[in-house]
Amino acid sequence: MDYSNKDINTKKLLEEYLVFIVNFESVLKKEYDIPKNINIWSYLVERKYKKGTVATYNYICHGSGFTVEKNGIICEYDKAPLNEYDIKFSFWKFKNFIETNHMQIIIDDSILKKDLSDLITANIVSWLIIDGINWNIYQTNFTVLQSL
């Protein structure tokens, strides 16, 4: 059992996080016949789809995004169209995904934050900054999957 994340690959975990989201959104688009160029979150909010089940995913559409559960794995992320980035997520949302997906790993917060900082330096994720304020929210695009 790995009791720290000093040897885990945060980049790989980010890839798992993004693939989970891509797979969920693909099922959602198919189920609700959502056009390709439409923001999924906006589409569901406009139609008042607050929560539901599609395939094996249980979801709740909340303030600016989704909480999704599949086979005990919890994935939370924001999808509101604030800027050109596909998704936004907090440290805690990402950590919760890792812990529910890899229960044998006990996360050391400082190491995970350092790893995420390294991903910012590598231009894989960035901070959400609005009007010069850093909201301590990470953001990225699905296109980074090609480089992970």
N, C-alpha and C. Protein backbone atom coordinates (compact mmCIF):
# COMPACT_ATOMS: atom_id res chain seq x y z
N MET A 1 0.84 -1.18 0.00
CA MET A 1 0.00 0.00 0.00
C MET A 1 0.89 1.24 0.00
N ASP A 2 0.58 2.18 -0.88
CA ASP A 2 1.36 3.41 -0.98
C ASP A 2 0.72 4.46 -0.07
N TYR A 3 1.41 4.84 1.00
CA TYR A 3 0.86 5.78 1.96
C TYR A 3 1.24 7.22 1.70
N SER A 4 1.90 7.48 0.59
CA SER A 4 2.17 8.87 0.22
C SER A 4 2.16 8.93 -1.29
N ASN A 5 2.11 10.13 -1.81
CA ASN A 5 2.08 10.25 -3.26
C ASN A 5 3.42 10.68 -3.82
N LYS A 6 4.50 10.47 -3.09
CA LYS A 6 5.79 10.92 -3.60
C LYS A 6 6.21 10.15 -4.84
N ASP A 7 5.65 8.94 -5.04
CA ASP A 7 6.01 8.14 -6.19
C ASP A 7 4.90 8.03 -7.23
N ILE A 8 3.76 8.70 -7.01
CA ILE A 8 2.69 8.60 -8.00
C ILE A 8 2.92 9.61 -9.11
N ASN A 9 2.30 9.36 -10.21
CA ASN A 9 2.46 10.21 -11.38
C ASN A 9 1.24 11.13 -11.48
N THR A 10 1.35 12.34 -10.97
CA THR A 10 0.23 13.28 -10.98
C THR A 10 -0.22 13.59 -12.40
N LYS A 11 0.71 13.62 -13.32
CA LYS A 11 0.37 13.85 -14.73
C LYS A 11 -0.56 12.74 -15.23
N LYS A 12 -0.25 11.51 -14.87
CA LYS A 12 -1.08 10.36 -15.26
C LYS A 12 -2.44 10.44 -14.58
N LEU A 13 -2.47 10.87 -13.34
CA LEU A 13 -3.74 11.01 -12.63
C LEU A 13 -4.59 12.11 -13.25
N LEU A 14 -3.97 13.19 -13.71
CA LEU A 14 -4.70 14.24 -14.42
C LEU A 14 -5.29 13.67 -15.70
N GLU A 15 -4.52 12.85 -16.39
CA GLU A 15 -5.03 12.21 -17.61
C GLU A 15 -6.26 11.35 -17.28
N GLU A 16 -6.20 10.57 -16.21
CA GLU A 16 -7.35 9.75 -15.80
C GLU A 16 -8.56 10.63 -15.49
N TYR A 17 -8.32 11.74 -14.83
CA TYR A 17 -9.38 12.69 -14.48
C TYR A 17 -10.05 13.23 -15.75
N LEU A 18 -9.23 13.66 -16.69
CA LEU A 18 -9.76 14.23 -17.94
C LEU A 18 -10.47 13.17 -18.77
N VAL A 19 -9.92 11.96 -18.84
CA VAL A 19 -10.56 10.88 -19.61
C VAL A 19 -11.91 10.52 -18.98
N PHE A 20 -11.98 10.50 -17.66
CA PHE A 20 -13.25 10.25 -16.98
C PHE A 20 -14.28 11.30 -17.42
N ILE A 21 -13.88 12.56 -17.43
CA ILE A 21 -14.78 13.65 -17.82
C ILE A 21 -15.19 13.53 -19.28
N VAL A 22 -14.23 13.26 -20.16
CA VAL A 22 -14.52 13.11 -21.59
C VAL A 22 -15.52 11.98 -21.80
N ASN A 23 -15.31 10.85 -21.14
CA ASN A 23 -16.21 9.71 -21.29
C ASN A 23 -17.61 10.03 -20.78
N PHE A 24 -17.69 10.69 -19.62
CA PHE A 24 -18.99 11.10 -19.08
C PHE A 24 -19.70 12.05 -20.04
N GLU A 25 -18.98 13.05 -20.52
CA GLU A 25 -19.61 14.03 -21.40
C GLU A 25 -20.03 13.42 -22.74
N SER A 26 -19.29 12.44 -23.22
CA SER A 26 -19.67 11.75 -24.47
C SER A 26 -20.99 11.02 -24.29
N VAL A 27 -21.14 10.33 -23.16
CA VAL A 27 -22.38 9.63 -22.86
C VAL A 27 -23.53 10.63 -22.70
N LEU A 28 -23.27 11.73 -22.02
CA LEU A 28 -24.27 12.77 -21.80
C LEU A 28 -24.73 13.38 -23.13
N LYS A 29 -23.78 13.69 -24.00
CA LYS A 29 -24.12 14.26 -25.31
C LYS A 29 -24.99 13.32 -26.11
N LYS A 30 -24.65 12.05 -26.07
CA LYS A 30 -25.42 11.05 -26.82
C LYS A 30 -26.82 10.90 -26.22
N GLU A 31 -26.90 10.79 -24.90
CA GLU A 31 -28.18 10.59 -24.21
C GLU A 31 -29.15 11.74 -24.46
N TYR A 32 -28.67 12.97 -24.39
CA TYR A 32 -29.52 14.15 -24.52
C TYR A 32 -29.44 14.80 -25.90
N ASP A 33 -28.73 14.16 -26.81
CA ASP A 33 -28.58 14.67 -28.18
C ASP A 33 -28.11 16.14 -28.17
N ILE A 34 -27.04 16.39 -27.43
CA ILE A 34 -26.49 17.74 -27.29
C ILE A 34 -25.58 18.03 -28.47
N PRO A 35 -25.83 19.11 -29.20
CA PRO A 35 -24.96 19.46 -30.34
C PRO A 35 -23.51 19.64 -29.92
N LYS A 36 -22.60 19.31 -30.81
CA LYS A 36 -21.17 19.32 -30.52
C LYS A 36 -20.64 20.67 -30.04
N ASN A 37 -21.13 21.76 -30.60
CA ASN A 37 -20.59 23.09 -30.29
C ASN A 37 -21.28 23.77 -29.10
N ILE A 38 -22.13 23.05 -28.39
CA ILE A 38 -22.87 23.62 -27.27
C ILE A 38 -22.20 23.21 -25.95
N ASN A 39 -22.09 24.14 -25.01
CA ASN A 39 -21.56 23.84 -23.68
C ASN A 39 -22.56 22.94 -22.95
N ILE A 40 -22.10 21.78 -22.54
CA ILE A 40 -22.97 20.78 -21.90
C ILE A 40 -23.65 21.33 -20.66
N TRP A 41 -22.89 21.99 -19.81
CA TRP A 41 -23.44 22.53 -18.57
C TRP A 41 -24.55 23.53 -18.88
N SER A 42 -24.30 24.45 -19.82
CA SER A 42 -25.31 25.45 -20.19
C SER A 42 -26.57 24.78 -20.72
N TYR A 43 -26.39 23.77 -21.55
CA TYR A 43 -27.51 23.03 -22.14
C TYR A 43 -28.40 22.43 -21.05
N LEU A 44 -27.77 21.76 -20.08
CA LEU A 44 -28.54 21.11 -19.02
C LEU A 44 -29.20 22.12 -18.09
N VAL A 45 -28.50 23.20 -17.77
CA VAL A 45 -29.06 24.23 -16.90
C VAL A 45 -30.28 24.87 -17.55
N GLU A 46 -30.19 25.19 -18.84
CA GLU A 46 -31.32 25.80 -19.56
C GLU A 46 -32.54 24.89 -19.57
N ARG A 47 -32.32 23.58 -19.59
CA ARG A 47 -33.42 22.62 -19.65
C ARG A 47 -33.79 22.07 -18.27
N LYS A 48 -33.16 22.62 -17.24
CA LYS A 48 -33.44 22.27 -15.85
C LYS A 48 -33.20 20.79 -15.53
N TYR A 49 -32.19 20.20 -16.17
CA TYR A 49 -31.76 18.84 -15.82
C TYR A 49 -30.79 18.97 -14.65
N LYS A 50 -31.27 18.85 -13.45
CA LYS A 50 -30.44 19.06 -12.25
C LYS A 50 -29.62 17.83 -11.89
N LYS A 51 -30.24 16.65 -12.03
CA LYS A 51 -29.50 15.42 -11.73
C LYS A 51 -30.13 14.27 -12.48
N GLY A 52 -29.34 13.21 -12.62
CA GLY A 52 -29.85 12.06 -13.33
C GLY A 52 -28.81 10.96 -13.42
N THR A 53 -29.17 9.96 -14.19
CA THR A 53 -28.28 8.83 -14.45
C THR A 53 -28.24 8.61 -15.94
N VAL A 54 -27.04 8.54 -16.49
CA VAL A 54 -26.85 8.18 -17.89
C VAL A 54 -25.82 7.06 -17.92
N ALA A 55 -26.20 5.95 -18.57
CA ALA A 55 -25.37 4.75 -18.57
C ALA A 55 -25.06 4.40 -17.11
N THR A 56 -23.80 4.34 -16.74
CA THR A 56 -23.43 3.99 -15.36
C THR A 56 -22.99 5.21 -14.55
N TYR A 57 -23.23 6.40 -15.07
CA TYR A 57 -22.85 7.64 -14.40
C TYR A 57 -24.05 8.25 -13.69
N ASN A 58 -23.89 8.60 -12.43
CA ASN A 58 -24.88 9.39 -11.70
C ASN A 58 -24.31 10.81 -11.62
N TYR A 59 -25.13 11.79 -11.97
CA TYR A 59 -24.59 13.15 -11.99
C TYR A 59 -25.53 14.13 -11.31
N ILE A 60 -24.93 15.19 -10.80
CA ILE A 60 -25.66 16.34 -10.29
C ILE A 60 -25.06 17.56 -10.98
N CYS A 61 -25.91 18.35 -11.57
CA CYS A 61 -25.50 19.60 -12.21
C CYS A 61 -25.65 20.68 -11.14
N HIS A 62 -24.52 21.30 -10.76
CA HIS A 62 -24.56 22.29 -9.69
C HIS A 62 -24.16 23.67 -10.20
N GLY A 63 -24.01 24.60 -9.32
CA GLY A 63 -23.73 26.00 -9.62
C GLY A 63 -22.95 26.29 -10.87
N SER A 64 -21.80 25.65 -11.06
CA SER A 64 -21.02 25.94 -12.26
C SER A 64 -20.45 24.68 -12.90
N GLY A 65 -20.94 23.53 -12.51
CA GLY A 65 -20.38 22.31 -13.09
C GLY A 65 -21.11 21.07 -12.67
N PHE A 66 -20.34 20.00 -12.46
CA PHE A 66 -20.91 18.69 -12.21
C PHE A 66 -20.22 17.97 -11.05
N THR A 67 -21.00 17.17 -10.38
CA THR A 67 -20.48 16.11 -9.51
C THR A 67 -20.95 14.82 -10.17
N VAL A 68 -20.01 13.95 -10.49
CA VAL A 68 -20.31 12.71 -11.20
C VAL A 68 -19.79 11.55 -10.37
N GLU A 69 -20.59 10.48 -10.29
CA GLU A 69 -20.17 9.28 -9.58
C GLU A 69 -20.36 8.08 -10.51
N LYS A 70 -19.34 7.24 -10.53
CA LYS A 70 -19.41 5.99 -11.30
C LYS A 70 -18.62 4.94 -10.54
N ASN A 71 -19.29 3.88 -10.13
CA ASN A 71 -18.64 2.77 -9.43
C ASN A 71 -17.82 3.25 -8.23
N GLY A 72 -18.35 4.21 -7.48
CA GLY A 72 -17.67 4.71 -6.29
C GLY A 72 -16.63 5.79 -6.54
N ILE A 73 -16.32 6.05 -7.79
CA ILE A 73 -15.36 7.11 -8.14
C ILE A 73 -16.13 8.42 -8.24
N ILE A 74 -15.66 9.43 -7.54
CA ILE A 74 -16.32 10.74 -7.56
C ILE A 74 -15.45 11.73 -8.33
N CYS A 75 -16.07 12.38 -9.29
CA CYS A 75 -15.37 13.37 -10.11
C CYS A 75 -16.19 14.65 -10.12
N GLU A 76 -15.60 15.71 -9.60
CA GLU A 76 -16.25 17.02 -9.60
C GLU A 76 -15.43 17.97 -10.45
N TYR A 77 -16.13 18.80 -11.21
CA TYR A 77 -15.43 19.80 -12.01
C TYR A 77 -16.41 20.89 -12.41
N ASP A 78 -15.86 22.02 -12.82
CA ASP A 78 -16.66 23.15 -13.26
C ASP A 78 -16.60 23.25 -14.77
N LYS A 79 -17.73 23.60 -15.35
CA LYS A 79 -17.86 23.63 -16.81
C LYS A 79 -18.45 24.95 -17.31
N ALA A 80 -18.85 25.83 -16.40
CA ALA A 80 -19.45 27.10 -16.81
C ALA A 80 -18.51 27.82 -17.78
N PRO A 81 -19.05 28.35 -18.85
CA PRO A 81 -18.21 28.95 -19.90
C PRO A 81 -17.68 30.34 -19.54
N LEU A 82 -16.69 30.40 -18.63
CA LEU A 82 -16.10 31.68 -18.23
C LEU A 82 -15.04 32.16 -19.20
N ASN A 83 -14.35 31.22 -19.85
CA ASN A 83 -13.26 31.56 -20.75
C ASN A 83 -13.02 30.40 -21.72
N GLU A 84 -11.88 30.39 -22.36
CA GLU A 84 -11.60 29.39 -23.40
C GLU A 84 -11.23 28.01 -22.86
N TYR A 85 -11.12 27.85 -21.55
CA TYR A 85 -10.72 26.56 -20.98
C TYR A 85 -11.93 25.64 -20.82
N ASP A 86 -11.72 24.35 -21.14
CA ASP A 86 -12.81 23.37 -21.09
C ASP A 86 -13.32 23.10 -19.68
N ILE A 87 -12.39 22.94 -18.75
CA ILE A 87 -12.80 22.61 -17.38
C ILE A 87 -11.97 23.37 -16.36
N LYS A 88 -12.55 23.48 -15.19
CA LYS A 88 -11.89 24.10 -14.05
C LYS A 88 -12.11 23.18 -12.85
N PHE A 89 -11.12 23.15 -11.95
CA PHE A 89 -11.26 22.28 -10.79
C PHE A 89 -10.39 22.80 -9.65
N SER A 90 -10.85 22.54 -8.45
CA SER A 90 -10.08 22.92 -7.27
C SER A 90 -9.12 21.79 -6.90
N PHE A 91 -8.18 22.12 -6.06
CA PHE A 91 -7.27 21.12 -5.52
C PHE A 91 -8.07 19.99 -4.87
N TRP A 92 -9.09 20.36 -4.09
CA TRP A 92 -9.87 19.38 -3.34
C TRP A 92 -10.68 18.49 -4.25
N LYS A 93 -11.20 19.02 -5.34
CA LYS A 93 -11.96 18.19 -6.29
C LYS A 93 -11.05 17.16 -6.94
N PHE A 94 -9.86 17.58 -7.32
CA PHE A 94 -8.90 16.67 -7.95
C PHE A 94 -8.44 15.62 -6.94
N LYS A 95 -8.14 16.05 -5.73
CA LYS A 95 -7.69 15.12 -4.69
C LYS A 95 -8.77 14.09 -4.39
N ASN A 96 -10.02 14.50 -4.31
CA ASN A 96 -11.12 13.58 -4.04
C ASN A 96 -11.25 12.54 -5.16
N PHE A 97 -11.06 12.98 -6.40
CA PHE A 97 -11.08 12.04 -7.52
C PHE A 97 -9.99 10.99 -7.35
N ILE A 98 -8.78 11.43 -7.03
CA ILE A 98 -7.66 10.50 -6.86
C ILE A 98 -7.97 9.52 -5.73
N GLU A 99 -8.43 10.03 -4.60
CA GLU A 99 -8.67 9.18 -3.44
C GLU A 99 -9.82 8.19 -3.64
N THR A 100 -10.83 8.55 -4.42
CA THR A 100 -11.92 7.61 -4.66
C THR A 100 -11.59 6.64 -5.79
N ASN A 101 -10.63 6.99 -6.63
CA ASN A 101 -10.21 6.15 -7.75
C ASN A 101 -9.05 5.24 -7.37
N HIS A 102 -8.24 5.68 -6.43
CA HIS A 102 -7.05 4.94 -5.99
C HIS A 102 -7.04 4.91 -4.46
N MET A 103 -7.89 4.10 -3.89
CA MET A 103 -8.06 4.10 -2.43
C MET A 103 -6.81 3.69 -1.68
N GLN A 104 -5.87 3.05 -2.34
CA GLN A 104 -4.64 2.62 -1.68
C GLN A 104 -3.66 3.77 -1.49
N ILE A 105 -3.93 4.91 -2.09
CA ILE A 105 -3.02 6.05 -2.01
C ILE A 105 -3.53 7.04 -0.96
N ILE A 106 -2.66 7.42 -0.06
CA ILE A 106 -2.95 8.49 0.89
C ILE A 106 -2.19 9.71 0.38
N ILE A 107 -2.91 10.76 0.06
CA ILE A 107 -2.32 11.93 -0.58
C ILE A 107 -1.64 12.84 0.43
N ASP A 108 -0.43 13.22 0.12
CA ASP A 108 0.28 14.26 0.86
C ASP A 108 -0.04 15.57 0.13
N ASP A 109 -0.83 16.43 0.77
CA ASP A 109 -1.30 17.65 0.11
C ASP A 109 -0.17 18.50 -0.45
N SER A 110 0.90 18.66 0.30
CA SER A 110 1.99 19.54 -0.15
C SER A 110 2.66 18.99 -1.41
N ILE A 111 2.79 17.68 -1.49
CA ILE A 111 3.41 17.08 -2.69
C ILE A 111 2.48 17.22 -3.89
N LEU A 112 1.18 16.97 -3.69
CA LEU A 112 0.24 17.11 -4.80
C LEU A 112 0.19 18.56 -5.29
N LYS A 113 0.20 19.52 -4.37
CA LYS A 113 0.21 20.94 -4.76
C LYS A 113 1.47 21.28 -5.54
N LYS A 114 2.61 20.72 -5.12
CA LYS A 114 3.87 20.94 -5.84
C LYS A 114 3.78 20.34 -7.24
N ASP A 115 3.24 19.13 -7.35
CA ASP A 115 3.08 18.49 -8.66
C ASP A 115 2.18 19.33 -9.57
N LEU A 116 1.09 19.86 -9.03
CA LEU A 116 0.19 20.71 -9.83
C LEU A 116 0.89 22.00 -10.23
N SER A 117 1.71 22.54 -9.36
CA SER A 117 2.50 23.72 -9.69
C SER A 117 3.45 23.42 -10.86
N ASP A 118 4.04 22.23 -10.83
CA ASP A 118 4.91 21.81 -11.94
C ASP A 118 4.13 21.69 -13.25
N LEU A 119 2.87 21.26 -13.16
CA LEU A 119 2.03 21.16 -14.36
C LEU A 119 1.66 22.55 -14.88
N ILE A 120 1.57 23.53 -13.99
CA ILE A 120 1.37 24.92 -14.43
C ILE A 120 2.60 25.39 -15.19
N THR A 121 3.77 25.14 -14.63
CA THR A 121 5.03 25.52 -15.28
C THR A 121 5.15 24.87 -16.66
N ALA A 122 4.65 23.64 -16.79
CA ALA A 122 4.71 22.91 -18.06
C ALA A 122 3.57 23.29 -19.00
N ASN A 123 2.74 24.28 -18.62
CA ASN A 123 1.61 24.74 -19.43
C ASN A 123 0.58 23.65 -19.71
N ILE A 124 0.42 22.74 -18.77
CA ILE A 124 -0.60 21.69 -18.89
C ILE A 124 -1.87 22.15 -18.20
N VAL A 125 -1.73 22.82 -17.08
CA VAL A 125 -2.85 23.47 -16.40
C VAL A 125 -2.44 24.92 -16.14
N SER A 126 -3.42 25.74 -15.80
CA SER A 126 -3.11 27.12 -15.43
C SER A 126 -4.07 27.53 -14.32
N TRP A 127 -3.77 28.66 -13.72
CA TRP A 127 -4.66 29.22 -12.71
C TRP A 127 -5.82 29.95 -13.38
N LEU A 128 -6.98 29.93 -12.76
CA LEU A 128 -8.09 30.77 -13.17
C LEU A 128 -7.86 32.14 -12.55
N ILE A 129 -7.63 33.12 -13.39
CA ILE A 129 -7.40 34.50 -12.93
C ILE A 129 -8.45 35.38 -13.59
N ILE A 130 -9.24 36.05 -12.77
CA ILE A 130 -10.29 36.95 -13.27
C ILE A 130 -10.05 38.32 -12.65
N ASP A 131 -9.96 39.33 -13.50
CA ASP A 131 -9.71 40.70 -13.05
C ASP A 131 -8.50 40.79 -12.13
N GLY A 132 -7.46 40.03 -12.48
CA GLY A 132 -6.21 40.05 -11.72
C GLY A 132 -6.23 39.26 -10.43
N ILE A 133 -7.33 38.58 -10.14
CA ILE A 133 -7.44 37.80 -8.91
C ILE A 133 -7.27 36.32 -9.22
N ASN A 134 -6.32 35.68 -8.52
CA ASN A 134 -6.11 34.24 -8.64
C ASN A 134 -7.11 33.56 -7.71
N TRP A 135 -8.01 32.76 -8.27
CA TRP A 135 -9.08 32.13 -7.51
C TRP A 135 -8.67 30.77 -6.93
N ASN A 136 -7.39 30.40 -7.07
CA ASN A 136 -6.90 29.09 -6.61
C ASN A 136 -7.70 27.94 -7.22
N ILE A 137 -8.06 28.13 -8.47
CA ILE A 137 -8.77 27.12 -9.25
C ILE A 137 -7.90 26.82 -10.46
N TYR A 138 -7.73 25.54 -10.74
CA TYR A 138 -6.95 25.12 -11.91
C TYR A 138 -7.89 25.03 -13.10
N GLN A 139 -7.32 25.21 -14.28
CA GLN A 139 -8.11 25.07 -15.50
C GLN A 139 -7.25 24.45 -16.58
N THR A 140 -7.91 23.75 -17.49
CA THR A 140 -7.19 23.12 -18.60
C THR A 140 -8.16 22.83 -19.73
N ASN A 141 -7.61 22.40 -20.84
CA ASN A 141 -8.39 22.00 -22.00
C ASN A 141 -8.20 20.52 -22.26
N PHE A 142 -9.17 19.93 -22.92
CA PHE A 142 -9.07 18.51 -23.25
C PHE A 142 -7.94 18.24 -24.23
N THR A 143 -7.50 19.26 -24.97
CA THR A 143 -6.41 19.06 -25.93
C THR A 143 -5.11 18.66 -25.25
N VAL A 144 -4.95 18.92 -23.95
CA VAL A 144 -3.72 18.51 -23.26
C VAL A 144 -3.60 17.00 -23.19
N LEU A 145 -4.70 16.29 -23.38
CA LEU A 145 -4.64 14.83 -23.37
C LEU A 145 -3.66 14.31 -24.42
N GLN A 146 -3.51 15.05 -25.51
CA GLN A 146 -2.59 14.64 -26.57
C GLN A 146 -1.14 14.70 -26.11
N SER A 147 -0.85 15.54 -25.11
CA SER A 147 0.54 15.70 -24.66
C SER A 147 0.85 14.95 -23.36
N LEU A 148 -0.15 14.35 -22.75
CA LEU A 148 0.08 13.65 -21.47
C LEU A 148 0.58 12.24 -21.69
